[in-house]
N, C-alpha and C. Protein backbone atom coordinates (compact mmCIF):
# COMPACT_ATOMS: atom_id res chain seq x y z
N UNK A 1 -2.21 -2.49 5.12
CA UNK A 1 -1.60 -1.58 4.39
C UNK A 1 -2.41 -0.40 4.96
N UNK A 2 -1.23 0.26 5.19
CA UNK A 2 -1.66 1.35 6.12
C UNK A 2 -2.25 3.31 5.02
N UNK A 3 -2.84 3.30 5.52
CA UNK A 3 -3.47 5.04 3.96
C UNK A 3 -2.96 5.83 4.94
N UNK A 4 -2.68 6.61 4.08
CA UNK A 4 -2.41 8.35 4.41
C UNK A 4 -3.23 8.90 5.10
N UNK A 5 -2.59 9.66 6.16
CA UNK A 5 -4.01 10.07 7.02
C UNK A 5 -4.81 11.51 6.45
N UNK A 6 -6.16 11.09 6.68
CA UNK A 6 -6.72 12.60 6.38
C UNK A 6 -6.33 13.91 6.83
N UNK A 7 -6.63 14.66 5.84
CA UNK A 7 -5.63 16.13 5.98
C UNK A 7 -6.39 17.40 6.64
N UNK A 8 -6.37 18.53 7.41
CA UNK A 8 -6.96 18.77 7.96
C UNK A 8 -7.57 19.85 6.69
N UNK A 9 -6.88 20.27 5.51
CA UNK A 9 -7.65 20.51 4.62
C UNK A 9 -8.82 19.69 4.16
N UNK A 10 -8.88 17.72 4.23
CA UNK A 10 -9.36 17.79 3.65
C UNK A 10 -10.80 17.46 4.54
N UNK A 11 -10.33 17.25 6.57
CA UNK A 11 -11.45 17.29 7.70
C UNK A 11 -12.23 18.83 6.87
N UNK A 12 -11.90 19.89 7.09
CA UNK A 12 -12.83 21.08 6.84
C UNK A 12 -13.72 20.84 5.61
N UNK A 13 -13.24 20.23 4.54
CA UNK A 13 -13.85 19.96 3.05
C UNK A 13 -14.93 19.15 3.32
N UNK A 14 -14.63 18.29 3.93
CA UNK A 14 -15.82 16.86 4.29
C UNK A 14 -17.25 17.69 5.20
N UNK A 15 -16.29 18.59 6.59
CA UNK A 15 -17.17 19.22 7.42
C UNK A 15 -18.13 20.05 6.70
N UNK A 16 -17.69 20.68 6.00
CA UNK A 16 -18.69 21.95 5.08
C UNK A 16 -19.57 21.11 4.26
N UNK A 17 -18.96 20.11 3.63
CA UNK A 17 -19.94 19.01 2.78
C UNK A 17 -21.15 18.71 3.57
N UNK A 18 -21.03 18.23 4.77
CA UNK A 18 -22.04 17.49 5.87
C UNK A 18 -23.21 18.55 6.39
N UNK A 19 -22.57 19.51 6.66
CA UNK A 19 -23.44 20.76 7.16
C UNK A 19 -24.19 21.22 5.97
N UNK A 20 -23.16 21.73 4.47
CA UNK A 20 -24.53 22.40 3.68
C UNK A 20 -25.16 20.95 3.66
N UNK A 21 -25.15 19.86 3.48
CA UNK A 21 -26.15 18.87 3.63
C UNK A 21 -27.43 17.80 4.60
N UNK A 22 -26.98 19.24 5.43
CA UNK A 22 -28.01 19.08 7.22
C UNK A 22 -27.73 18.46 7.98
N UNK A 23 -26.50 18.06 8.37
CA UNK A 23 -26.31 16.72 9.04
C UNK A 23 -25.72 17.82 10.61
N UNK A 24 -26.00 16.76 11.22
CA UNK A 24 -25.37 17.60 12.41
C UNK A 24 -24.39 16.97 13.74
N UNK A 25 -23.70 16.85 14.35
CA UNK A 25 -23.17 16.12 15.32
C UNK A 25 -21.56 16.21 15.51
N UNK A 26 -21.02 15.44 16.16
CA UNK A 26 -20.41 15.18 16.29
C UNK A 26 -18.89 14.38 15.04
N UNK A 27 -17.98 15.00 15.50
CA UNK A 27 -16.99 14.31 13.83
C UNK A 27 -16.04 13.17 14.77
N UNK A 28 -16.00 11.88 14.86
CA UNK A 28 -15.24 11.19 15.97
C UNK A 28 -13.93 10.75 14.61
N UNK A 29 -14.30 10.33 13.66
CA UNK A 29 -12.73 10.03 12.69
C UNK A 29 -13.30 9.80 11.32
N UNK A 30 -12.22 9.80 10.58
CA UNK A 30 -11.88 10.40 8.98
C UNK A 30 -10.88 9.30 8.92
N UNK A 31 -11.37 8.88 7.57
CA UNK A 31 -10.50 7.85 6.76
C UNK A 31 -10.65 8.11 5.79
N UNK A 32 -9.35 7.86 4.89
CA UNK A 32 -9.59 7.85 2.80
C UNK A 32 -10.33 6.25 2.51
N UNK A 33 -11.92 6.10 1.68
CA UNK A 33 -11.95 4.90 0.59
C UNK A 33 -10.51 4.59 0.38
N UNK A 34 -10.70 3.15 0.50
CA UNK A 34 -9.51 2.48 -0.14
C UNK A 34 -9.15 2.96 -1.97
N UNK A 35 -8.84 2.88 -2.26
CA UNK A 35 -8.36 3.24 -3.83
C UNK A 35 -8.78 4.22 -4.01
N UNK A 36 -9.15 5.38 -3.75
CA UNK A 36 -9.57 6.70 -3.91
C UNK A 36 -8.54 7.57 -2.43
N UNK A 37 -8.57 9.16 -3.15
CA UNK A 37 -8.57 10.33 -2.33
C UNK A 37 -9.26 10.82 -2.14
N UNK A 38 -10.71 11.04 -2.78
CA UNK A 38 -11.70 12.25 -2.66
C UNK A 38 -12.48 11.42 -2.36
N UNK A 39 -13.08 10.37 -1.46
CA UNK A 39 -14.19 9.70 -0.74
C UNK A 39 -13.63 9.35 0.21
N UNK A 40 -14.18 9.63 1.22
CA UNK A 40 -13.80 9.58 2.86
C UNK A 40 -15.03 8.68 3.08
N UNK A 41 -14.60 7.75 4.42
CA UNK A 41 -15.34 7.05 5.40
C UNK A 41 -15.41 8.09 6.60
N UNK A 42 -16.50 8.96 7.21
CA UNK A 42 -16.75 9.06 8.35
C UNK A 42 -17.70 8.89 9.54
N UNK A 43 -17.17 8.76 11.14
CA UNK A 43 -17.73 8.41 11.72
C UNK A 43 -18.65 9.71 12.76
N UNK A 44 -19.70 9.79 12.70
CA UNK A 44 -20.23 10.52 13.45
C UNK A 44 -21.27 10.56 15.21
N UNK A 45 -21.36 11.06 15.95
CA UNK A 45 -22.21 10.76 17.13
C UNK A 45 -23.21 11.31 16.95
N UNK A 46 -24.21 11.34 17.93
CA UNK A 46 -25.41 12.67 18.07
C UNK A 46 -25.42 13.11 19.46
N UNK A 47 -26.42 13.14 20.02
CA UNK A 47 -26.27 13.89 21.00
C UNK A 47 -26.61 13.01 22.19
N UNK A 48 -27.75 11.96 21.44
CA UNK A 48 -27.71 11.02 22.40
C UNK A 48 -26.56 9.64 22.66
N UNK A 49 -25.86 9.95 20.99
CA UNK A 49 -24.16 8.98 21.50
C UNK A 49 -24.70 8.08 20.31
N UNK A 50 -25.05 7.84 19.57
CA UNK A 50 -25.68 7.03 18.63
C UNK A 50 -24.59 7.20 17.65
N UNK A 51 -23.20 6.23 17.12
CA UNK A 51 -22.45 6.75 15.67
C UNK A 51 -23.31 5.67 15.05
N UNK A 52 -22.91 6.94 13.98
CA UNK A 52 -23.34 6.28 12.22
C UNK A 52 -22.34 6.29 11.71
N UNK A 53 -22.24 5.30 10.18
CA UNK A 53 -20.63 5.31 9.18
C UNK A 53 -21.49 6.16 7.85
N UNK A 54 -21.12 7.18 7.67
CA UNK A 54 -21.08 8.00 6.86
C UNK A 54 -20.38 7.69 5.29
N UNK A 55 -20.34 7.99 3.99
CA UNK A 55 -19.36 7.63 3.31
C UNK A 55 -19.31 9.39 2.21
N UNK A 56 -18.36 10.28 2.54
CA UNK A 56 -19.08 11.62 1.76
C UNK A 56 -17.54 11.56 0.29
N UNK A 57 -17.90 11.82 -0.42
CA UNK A 57 -17.08 12.25 -1.79
C UNK A 57 -17.13 13.68 -1.64
N UNK A 58 -15.89 13.88 -2.20
CA UNK A 58 -15.65 15.50 -2.13
C UNK A 58 -16.25 15.67 -4.26
N UNK A 59 -15.84 14.42 -4.68
CA UNK A 59 -15.76 14.58 -6.25
C UNK A 59 -17.25 14.73 -6.31
N UNK A 60 -18.08 14.20 -5.97
CA UNK A 60 -19.44 14.00 -6.43
C UNK A 60 -20.39 14.95 -5.41
N UNK A 61 -19.62 15.84 -4.47
CA UNK A 61 -20.18 16.86 -3.25
C UNK A 61 -21.74 16.17 -2.63
N UNK A 62 -21.15 14.80 -2.22
CA UNK A 62 -22.42 14.00 -1.61
C UNK A 62 -22.07 13.17 -0.01
N UNK A 63 -23.29 13.12 0.42
CA UNK A 63 -22.63 12.16 1.50
C UNK A 63 -24.10 11.06 1.84
N UNK A 64 -23.50 9.93 2.38
CA UNK A 64 -24.71 9.05 1.80
C UNK A 64 -24.23 8.14 3.34
N UNK A 65 -25.13 8.35 3.75
CA UNK A 65 -24.95 7.50 5.10
C UNK A 65 -25.19 5.52 4.78
N UNK A 66 -24.29 5.17 5.55
CA UNK A 66 -24.01 3.53 5.62
C UNK A 66 -24.32 2.96 6.93
N UNK A 67 -24.50 2.72 7.87
CA UNK A 67 -25.15 2.25 8.67
C UNK A 67 -25.22 2.82 10.18
N UNK A 68 -26.05 2.35 10.94
CA UNK A 68 -25.55 2.72 12.80
C UNK A 68 -24.58 1.64 13.56
N UNK A 69 -23.34 2.25 13.69
CA UNK A 69 -23.06 1.57 14.78
C UNK A 69 -22.87 1.19 15.72
N UNK A 70 -23.58 -0.23 15.68
CA UNK A 70 -23.70 -0.95 16.98
C UNK A 70 -22.67 -2.29 17.32
N UNK A 71 -23.29 -3.57 17.45
CA UNK A 71 -22.82 -4.56 17.72
C UNK A 71 -22.47 -5.40 16.56
N UNK A 72 -23.50 -5.33 15.66
CA UNK A 72 -23.25 -6.08 14.22
C UNK A 72 -22.06 -4.90 13.66
N UNK A 73 -22.35 -4.38 13.43
CA UNK A 73 -21.92 -3.35 12.96
C UNK A 73 -20.41 -2.21 13.59
N UNK A 74 -19.09 -2.71 12.80
CA UNK A 74 -18.15 -1.61 13.68
C UNK A 74 -17.96 -1.04 12.73
N UNK A 75 -16.17 0.23 13.35
CA UNK A 75 -15.80 0.43 12.48
C UNK A 75 -14.36 0.11 12.78
N UNK A 76 -13.20 -0.27 11.59
CA UNK A 76 -11.96 -0.27 12.27
C UNK A 76 -10.96 0.09 12.10
N UNK A 77 -10.38 1.03 12.78
CA UNK A 77 -8.97 1.87 13.11
C UNK A 77 -8.60 1.96 12.24
N UNK A 78 -7.72 2.82 11.81
CA UNK A 78 -6.68 2.72 10.47
C UNK A 78 -5.19 1.81 11.66
N UNK A 79 -5.27 0.62 11.03
CA UNK A 79 -3.50 0.46 11.90
C UNK A 79 -4.48 -0.47 12.51
N UNK A 80 -5.57 -1.11 12.43
CA UNK A 80 -5.95 -2.40 13.28
C UNK A 80 -5.59 -3.49 12.55
N UNK A 81 -5.31 -4.48 12.62
CA UNK A 81 -5.10 -5.54 12.37
C UNK A 81 -6.23 -6.56 13.13
N UNK A 82 -6.76 -7.64 11.71
CA UNK A 82 -7.15 -8.62 12.25
C UNK A 82 -6.24 -9.89 13.00
N UNK A 83 -7.31 -10.76 13.91
CA UNK A 83 -6.38 -11.99 14.71
C UNK A 83 -6.23 -13.43 13.50
């Protein structure tokens, strides 16, 4: 099931929320959390190239760290299908 893309306005709101929460880094991917239009998964990388997954809620004005993306934890891109 393809989810709707994150809009530019939503991305700006998410980035503002991350900055307000003190997070710094490069934003690599934004996706809606399934079943909601106000929660998002965000992949960020730091200066060392380490990527992490966060959950951002525009409704709760909160950012939660989920986990570091590595060999055991990967982020599935929109539209990717499992074999």
